[in-house]
Protein backbone atom coordinates (compact mmCIF):
# COMPACT_ATOMS: atom_id res chain seq x y z
CA UNK A 1 -6.62 4.85 -8.15
CA UNK A 2 -3.19 5.55 -9.86
CA UNK A 3 -0.87 3.58 -11.38
CA UNK A 4 2.46 4.38 -10.22
CA UNK A 5 4.38 3.74 -13.72
CA UNK A 6 6.53 1.34 -12.33
CA UNK A 7 5.06 -1.62 -14.52
CA UNK A 8 5.61 -3.99 -11.34
CA UNK A 9 2.76 -5.04 -10.89
CA UNK A 10 3.69 -8.38 -9.16
CA UNK A 11 6.49 -6.57 -6.40
CA UNK A 12 3.41 -4.87 -5.16
CA UNK A 13 0.92 -7.57 -5.37
CA UNK A 14 3.14 -10.08 -3.44
CA UNK A 15 4.15 -7.36 -0.65
CA UNK A 16 0.19 -6.75 -0.33
CA UNK A 17 0.18 -10.83 0.20
CA UNK A 18 3.22 -10.45 2.75
CA UNK A 19 1.32 -7.77 4.62
CA UNK A 20 -2.19 -9.92 5.13
CA UNK A 21 -0.01 -13.06 5.82
CA UNK A 22 2.33 -11.23 8.80
CA UNK A 23 -1.40 -10.04 10.48
CA UNK A 24 -2.55 -13.79 10.07
CA UNK A 25 0.42 -14.81 11.75
CA UNK A 26 -0.05 -12.32 14.50
CA UNK A 27 -3.31 -12.32 15.19
CA UNK A 28 -4.76 -16.19 13.82
CA UNK A 29 -8.07 -15.04 13.84
CA UNK A 30 -7.56 -12.01 11.29
CA UNK A 31 -10.40 -11.49 8.67
CA UNK A 32 -9.23 -9.41 6.14
CA UNK A 33 -11.73 -6.95 3.29
CA UNK A 34 -10.79 -4.27 0.79
CA UNK A 35 -12.07 -2.77 -2.32
CA UNK A 36 -10.68 -2.57 -6.10
CA UNK A 37 -10.34 0.74 -7.12
CA UNK A 38 -11.13 2.15 -10.28
CA UNK A 39 -8.22 2.98 -12.50
CA UNK A 40 -8.77 6.68 -12.68
CA UNK A 41 -9.75 7.68 -16.10
CA UNK A 42 -11.20 4.69 -17.17
CA UNK A 43 -14.59 4.27 -17.09
CA UNK A 44 -15.10 1.18 -15.18
CA UNK A 45 -17.73 0.32 -12.90
CA UNK A 46 -18.53 -2.88 -10.88
CA UNK A 47 -15.89 -5.81 -10.84
CA UNK A 48 -13.35 -4.09 -12.61
CA UNK A 49 -10.06 -4.76 -13.87
CA UNK A 50 -8.20 -4.31 -10.13
CA UNK A 51 -10.77 -6.42 -8.38
CA UNK A 52 -10.89 -9.05 -10.18
CA UNK A 53 -6.84 -9.17 -10.78
CA UNK A 54 -7.23 -8.76 -6.44
CA UNK A 55 -10.10 -11.92 -6.66
CA UNK A 56 -7.91 -14.35 -8.32
CA UNK A 57 -4.92 -13.44 -6.24
CA UNK A 58 -7.21 -13.75 -3.10
CA UNK A 59 -8.37 -17.19 -4.45
CA UNK A 60 -4.94 -18.45 -4.86
CA UNK A 61 -3.49 -17.61 -1.73
CA UNK A 62 -6.23 -18.27 0.84
CA UNK A 63 -7.83 -21.41 1.10
CA UNK A 64 -11.90 -21.71 1.95
CA UNK A 65 -10.93 -23.89 4.43
CA UNK A 66 -9.25 -21.35 5.96
CA UNK A 67 -11.23 -17.95 5.13
CA UNK A 68 -15.18 -17.44 3.81
CA UNK A 69 -14.40 -15.48 0.01
CA UNK A 70 -17.30 -12.70 0.42
CA UNK A 71 -17.39 -11.13 -2.94
CA UNK A 72 -19.32 -8.18 -3.91
CA UNK A 73 -18.58 -7.66 -7.40
CA UNK A 74 -20.96 -4.26 -7.57
CA UNK A 75 -19.27 -2.72 -5.26
CA UNK A 76 -15.68 -3.85 -6.03
CA UNK A 77 -15.33 -4.96 -2.28
CA UNK A 78 -14.29 -8.33 -1.06
CA UNK A 79 -13.50 -9.52 2.49
CA UNK A 80 -12.06 -12.95 3.81
CA UNK A 81 -14.12 -14.12 6.65
CA UNK A 82 -11.15 -16.04 9.00
CA UNK A 83 -13.16 -19.86 9.21
CA UNK A 84 -10.87 -19.66 13.21
CA UNK A 85 -12.73 -17.11 14.55
CA UNK A 86 -15.64 -18.55 15.98
CA UNK A 87 -17.16 -15.04 17.67
CA UNK A 88 -20.79 -14.65 17.19
CA UNK A 89 -21.78 -12.67 14.28
CA UNK A 90 -18.62 -12.25 13.02
CA UNK A 91 -19.72 -12.47 9.24
CA UNK A 92 -22.15 -9.33 10.04
CA UNK A 93 -19.91 -7.65 12.16
CA UNK A 94 -16.98 -7.34 9.22
CA UNK A 95 -19.59 -6.61 7.00
CA UNK A 96 -21.61 -3.73 9.28
CA UNK A 97 -18.11 -2.59 10.08
CA UNK A 98 -17.29 -2.19 6.38
CA UNK A 99 -20.79 -0.33 5.63
CA UNK A 100 -20.22 1.66 8.16
CA UNK A 101 -16.74 3.11 6.58
CA UNK A 102 -17.79 2.83 2.96
CA UNK A 103 -20.56 4.20 1.85
CA UNK A 104 -21.24 2.11 -1.68
CA UNK A 105 -22.22 -1.17 0.75
């Protein structure tokens, strides 16, 4: 929730993308999820600024052919479900995992 004041958002976001790509290369069945935490001391609720930025980037870097993009705007949660993962009920399992670890989903 804190800002670094480095004023280099692109470098931070690029690092995040690189980490996701690295994980995907190591496990081609990997799925991902994250929350867009509100910025401290700013009154934001659903669909906050970070979430909107992350959402735009995920749409640009992760194709809907490779990943189903599940968006929970009210909770600021974004899930990328790997379409190559043919495990039974993988979508439900991932949503359940997030629900277990994050009370708001």
